[in-house]
Amino acid sequence: MTVMREVDGQQAARELPTGVADLGRLVRFMDAELDLEDVVLEVGAGTGPVARAVARRVRHATALDPAPAALAEGKRAADRDGITNVTFMRGDAAALPWLDRTFTLVVVWNALHRAADPAAVVREAARVCRPGAALVVADPVRPAGPDGDPDRIERLRDPAHGALLTEERLTALVTGAGAEVKRADPFDERVPLASWSARTGADATARVREEVLAELAGGPATGLRPHMIDGEPHVTRTNLWLLAIAG
């Protein structure tokens, strides 16, 4: 079973997070779990930004993704940086090709909202964790309260987008997979609309911008909670990062 959604018959690499600062924040979030003897897996990795970021602090890291182009880009970046202990591997996040209890740290970052079966991805991630290993699951989530459907706008921007989970559902997936949540970091980020939609085609970009500006003028809610900052429209994304310990 293929877990990542397909666009035009091809596996779509997940988008990279909004900025490098997000990656640094994530590394700090799991900093206490990093060890020079760690064997790390990044699931739904795209170009493997987490695997590359922690490579010099662990024994080995694997970046797994269904998209060969993203993996090739990540491998080129690793080669440029002189990183030699990261493996880039094509694979299905819902059917990981490893035995139980293989890794000491597993990271699923910014991938579940693109997954056809998020529960299967989390179960597999927990399965390949050694007992006591850290499982980090970090994804944008559906905010509580606001009107509008953020998933509809997200799909305009990114056709591979599936659905945002709620904070409660994401937490339940982790605990249901047998891991105990030790730390949670829920936070909002305001992102410039121009950079958030930069990977979108021209027609979709225009539609998203039109709807966001209409909401700012008092029109229907998009679910993106837009704001004007220094004369530029920004959208708001809610994130939940969980650090759990595998059983």
Protein backbone atom coordinates (compact mmCIF):
# COMPACT_ATOMS: atom_id res chain seq x y z
CA MET A 1 0.00 0.00 0.00
CA THR A 2 1.29 3.45 -0.89
CA VAL A 3 0.70 5.90 1.92
CA MET A 4 1.71 9.22 0.38
CA ARG A 5 -0.82 10.78 -1.94
CA GLU A 6 -0.15 10.80 -5.66
CA VAL A 7 -0.53 13.75 -8.02
CA ASP A 8 -0.84 13.15 -11.76
CA GLY A 9 0.16 9.53 -11.22
CA GLN A 10 3.46 10.32 -9.51
CA GLN A 11 4.50 10.33 -5.90
CA ALA A 12 4.77 13.94 -4.80
CA ALA A 13 7.60 14.92 -2.49
CA ARG A 14 6.31 16.72 0.55
CA GLU A 15 7.03 20.39 0.69
CA LEU A 16 9.87 21.56 2.83
CA PRO A 17 8.88 23.54 5.92
CA THR A 18 8.53 27.28 5.70
CA GLY A 19 12.01 28.18 6.84
CA VAL A 20 15.31 26.98 8.18
CA ALA A 21 14.33 28.37 11.58
CA ASP A 22 11.67 25.65 11.83
CA LEU A 23 14.34 22.97 11.34
CA GLY A 24 16.51 24.50 14.01
CA ARG A 25 13.56 24.62 16.36
CA LEU A 26 12.81 20.96 15.72
CA VAL A 27 16.41 19.92 16.38
CA ARG A 28 16.33 21.86 19.65
CA PHE A 29 13.00 20.21 20.53
CA MET A 30 14.57 16.75 20.36
CA ASP A 31 18.09 17.79 21.40
CA ALA A 32 18.07 15.86 24.67
CA GLU A 33 17.34 12.63 22.78
CA LEU A 34 20.31 12.87 20.42
CA ASP A 35 23.27 10.60 21.09
CA LEU A 36 26.43 9.74 19.17
CA GLU A 37 25.32 6.10 19.08
CA ASP A 38 21.85 6.84 17.72
CA VAL A 39 20.49 5.14 14.62
CA VAL A 40 17.92 7.59 13.24
CA LEU A 41 15.07 7.27 10.75
CA GLU A 42 13.31 10.23 9.15
CA VAL A 43 9.96 9.09 7.65
CA GLY A 44 8.32 10.97 4.78
CA ALA A 45 11.60 12.79 4.61
CA GLY A 46 11.50 14.56 1.26
CA THR A 47 15.11 15.74 0.90
CA GLY A 48 15.97 14.53 4.40
CA PRO A 49 16.45 17.87 6.17
CA VAL A 50 16.26 16.34 9.65
CA ALA A 51 18.55 13.43 8.82
CA ARG A 52 21.13 15.83 7.41
CA ALA A 53 20.78 18.28 10.30
CA VAL A 54 21.51 15.65 12.97
CA ALA A 55 23.96 13.52 10.97
CA ARG A 56 27.09 14.76 12.72
CA ARG A 57 25.56 14.09 16.13
CA VAL A 58 24.50 10.47 15.56
CA ARG A 59 26.01 7.23 14.27
CA HIS A 60 23.78 6.93 11.20
CA ALA A 61 20.57 8.40 9.77
CA THR A 62 18.21 7.16 7.06
CA ALA A 63 15.88 9.44 5.09
CA LEU A 64 12.94 7.52 3.62
CA ASP A 65 10.55 8.98 1.05
CA PRO A 66 8.53 7.74 -1.97
CA ALA A 67 9.86 10.47 -4.30
CA PRO A 68 13.17 9.69 -6.05
CA ALA A 69 13.69 13.31 -7.14
CA ALA A 70 13.51 14.59 -3.56
CA LEU A 71 15.87 11.88 -2.35
CA ALA A 72 18.35 12.68 -5.12
CA GLU A 73 18.25 16.36 -4.17
CA GLY A 74 18.89 15.48 -0.55
CA LYS A 75 21.80 13.21 -1.49
CA ARG A 76 23.38 16.02 -3.51
CA ALA A 77 23.00 18.38 -0.56
CA ALA A 78 24.59 15.82 1.78
CA ASP A 79 27.49 15.32 -0.62
CA ARG A 80 28.05 19.08 -0.86
CA ASP A 81 28.17 19.29 2.94
CA GLY A 82 30.51 16.33 3.31
CA ILE A 83 27.92 14.23 5.15
CA THR A 84 28.69 10.53 4.72
CA ASN A 85 26.50 8.78 7.30
CA VAL A 86 23.03 9.41 5.80
CA THR A 87 21.31 6.86 3.56
CA PHE A 88 18.58 8.10 1.19
CA MET A 89 16.06 5.36 0.55
CA ARG A 90 12.85 5.11 -1.44
CA GLY A 91 10.05 3.43 0.47
CA ASP A 92 6.52 3.37 1.79
CA ALA A 93 5.95 4.94 5.19
CA ALA A 94 3.00 2.61 5.81
CA ALA A 95 5.11 -0.52 5.23
CA LEU A 96 8.62 0.17 6.46
CA PRO A 97 11.18 -2.35 5.22
CA TRP A 98 12.82 -2.95 8.61
CA LEU A 99 12.38 -5.40 11.43
CA ASP A 100 10.78 -4.36 14.69
CA ARG A 101 12.95 -2.41 17.13
CA THR A 102 15.56 -1.20 14.63
CA PHE A 103 16.00 2.52 15.39
CA THR A 104 16.81 4.57 18.48
CA LEU A 105 15.14 7.74 17.16
CA VAL A 106 12.35 8.04 14.57
CA VAL A 107 11.10 11.38 13.24
CA VAL A 108 7.90 12.02 11.26
CA TRP A 109 7.97 15.71 10.36
CA ASN A 110 5.51 17.63 8.21
CA ALA A 111 4.33 14.44 6.50
CA LEU A 112 1.11 13.19 8.06
CA HIS A 113 -1.15 15.78 6.42
CA ARG A 114 -0.07 14.29 3.08
CA ALA A 115 -0.53 10.68 4.14
CA ALA A 116 -3.42 8.56 2.85
CA ASP A 117 -3.39 6.67 6.17
CA PRO A 118 -1.75 8.70 8.94
CA ALA A 119 -2.49 6.03 11.54
CA ALA A 120 -0.56 3.44 9.53
CA VAL A 121 2.44 5.78 9.26
CA VAL A 122 2.54 6.37 13.02
CA ARG A 123 2.07 2.66 13.80
CA GLU A 124 4.96 1.73 11.53
CA ALA A 125 7.16 4.46 12.97
CA ALA A 126 6.49 3.16 16.48
CA ARG A 127 7.02 -0.45 15.39
CA VAL A 128 10.59 0.15 14.23
CA CYS A 129 11.50 2.04 17.43
CA ARG A 130 13.55 0.18 19.99
CA PRO A 131 12.03 0.09 23.50
CA GLY A 132 12.76 3.43 25.11
CA ALA A 133 13.54 5.08 21.77
CA ALA A 134 12.25 8.56 21.05
CA LEU A 135 9.45 8.98 18.51
CA VAL A 136 9.04 12.56 17.30
CA VAL A 137 5.83 13.36 15.41
CA ALA A 138 5.44 16.96 14.23
CA ASP A 139 2.79 18.22 11.84
CA PRO A 140 0.50 21.16 11.13
CA VAL A 141 -2.89 20.54 12.73
CA ARG A 142 -6.43 21.81 12.32
CA PRO A 143 -6.97 24.74 14.67
CA ALA A 144 -9.89 24.70 17.05
CA GLY A 145 -12.58 27.27 16.54
CA PRO A 146 -12.14 29.28 13.34
CA ASP A 147 -14.66 29.11 10.53
CA GLY A 148 -13.68 28.05 7.04
CA ASP A 149 -12.03 24.92 5.69
CA PRO A 150 -8.21 25.19 5.69
CA ASP A 151 -7.94 21.81 3.94
CA ARG A 152 -9.69 23.21 0.86
CA ILE A 153 -7.18 26.05 0.55
CA GLU A 154 -4.27 23.75 1.39
CA ARG A 155 -5.26 21.50 -1.54
CA LEU A 156 -5.32 24.49 -3.88
CA ARG A 157 -1.76 25.23 -2.83
CA ASP A 158 -0.63 21.60 -2.67
CA PRO A 159 -2.70 18.96 -4.54
CA ALA A 160 -0.99 16.21 -2.51
CA HIS A 161 -2.43 17.60 0.73
CA GLY A 162 -4.82 15.19 2.42
CA ALA A 163 -6.23 16.52 5.68
CA LEU A 164 -5.09 18.31 8.81
CA LEU A 165 -5.53 16.25 11.96
CA THR A 166 -6.72 17.81 15.18
CA GLU A 167 -4.35 18.02 18.14
CA GLU A 168 -6.44 15.38 19.89
CA ARG A 169 -6.38 13.00 16.93
CA LEU A 170 -2.64 13.36 16.39
CA THR A 171 -1.96 12.67 20.06
CA ALA A 172 -4.29 9.67 19.99
CA LEU A 173 -2.44 8.19 17.00
CA VAL A 174 0.84 8.34 18.91
CA THR A 175 -0.49 6.87 22.14
CA GLY A 176 -2.53 4.30 20.22
CA ALA A 177 0.70 3.10 18.61
CA GLY A 178 2.05 2.25 22.06
CA ALA A 179 4.21 5.31 22.72
CA GLU A 180 3.98 7.56 25.75
CA VAL A 181 3.99 11.31 25.08
CA LYS A 182 6.59 13.01 27.23
CA ARG A 183 6.59 16.49 25.73
CA ALA A 184 4.25 18.52 23.51
CA ASP A 185 4.90 21.82 21.76
CA PRO A 186 1.78 23.37 20.21
CA PHE A 187 2.40 26.70 18.49
CA ASP A 188 1.12 29.01 15.76
CA GLU A 189 3.28 30.44 13.01
CA ARG A 190 2.40 33.36 10.77
CA VAL A 191 3.75 32.83 7.28
CA PRO A 192 3.87 35.37 4.43
CA LEU A 193 1.26 34.36 1.89
CA ALA A 194 3.74 34.85 -0.95
CA SER A 195 6.26 32.34 0.44
CA TRP A 196 3.56 29.91 1.66
CA SER A 197 2.12 29.67 -1.86
CA ALA A 198 5.44 29.91 -3.72
CA ARG A 199 5.31 26.28 -4.91
CA THR A 200 1.78 26.69 -6.25
CA GLY A 201 0.90 27.16 -9.91
CA ALA A 202 0.01 30.66 -11.06
CA ASP A 203 -3.75 30.04 -11.30
CA ALA A 204 -3.98 28.43 -7.86
CA THR A 205 -1.79 31.16 -6.34
CA ALA A 206 -4.12 33.81 -7.70
CA ARG A 207 -7.18 32.00 -6.30
CA VAL A 208 -5.62 31.57 -2.87
CA ARG A 209 -4.54 35.21 -2.74
CA GLU A 210 -7.97 36.37 -3.88
CA GLU A 211 -9.72 34.39 -1.13
CA VAL A 212 -7.30 35.51 1.58
CA LEU A 213 -7.62 39.17 0.62
CA ALA A 214 -11.39 38.79 0.47
CA GLU A 215 -11.43 37.47 4.03
CA LEU A 216 -9.25 40.34 5.19
CA ALA A 217 -11.83 42.69 3.66
CA GLY A 218 -14.63 41.04 5.62
CA GLY A 219 -15.49 38.20 3.26
CA PRO A 220 -15.95 34.46 3.92
CA ALA A 221 -13.50 32.72 6.23
CA THR A 222 -10.81 30.55 4.66
CA GLY A 223 -9.70 28.84 7.86
CA LEU A 224 -6.22 30.32 7.39
CA ARG A 225 -6.69 33.16 9.92
CA PRO A 226 -4.97 35.79 7.75
CA HIS A 227 -3.39 39.01 9.01
CA MET A 228 -1.73 41.97 7.36
CA ILE A 229 1.82 42.47 8.62
CA ASP A 230 3.88 45.36 7.23
CA GLY A 231 1.46 45.63 4.33
CA GLU A 232 1.77 41.96 3.34
CA PRO A 233 -0.87 39.27 3.87
CA HIS A 234 0.17 36.43 6.18
CA VAL A 235 -1.59 33.16 6.95
CA THR A 236 -1.54 31.34 10.29
CA ARG A 237 -0.69 27.67 10.70
CA THR A 238 -1.10 25.74 13.93
CA ASN A 239 1.50 23.06 14.63
CA LEU A 240 1.79 20.27 17.18
CA TRP A 241 5.12 18.64 17.91
CA LEU A 242 5.13 15.55 20.11
CA LEU A 243 8.07 13.72 21.64
CA ALA A 244 7.08 10.26 22.80
CA ILE A 245 8.93 7.24 24.17
CA ALA A 246 8.30 3.91 22.50
CA GLY A 247 7.18 0.97 24.63
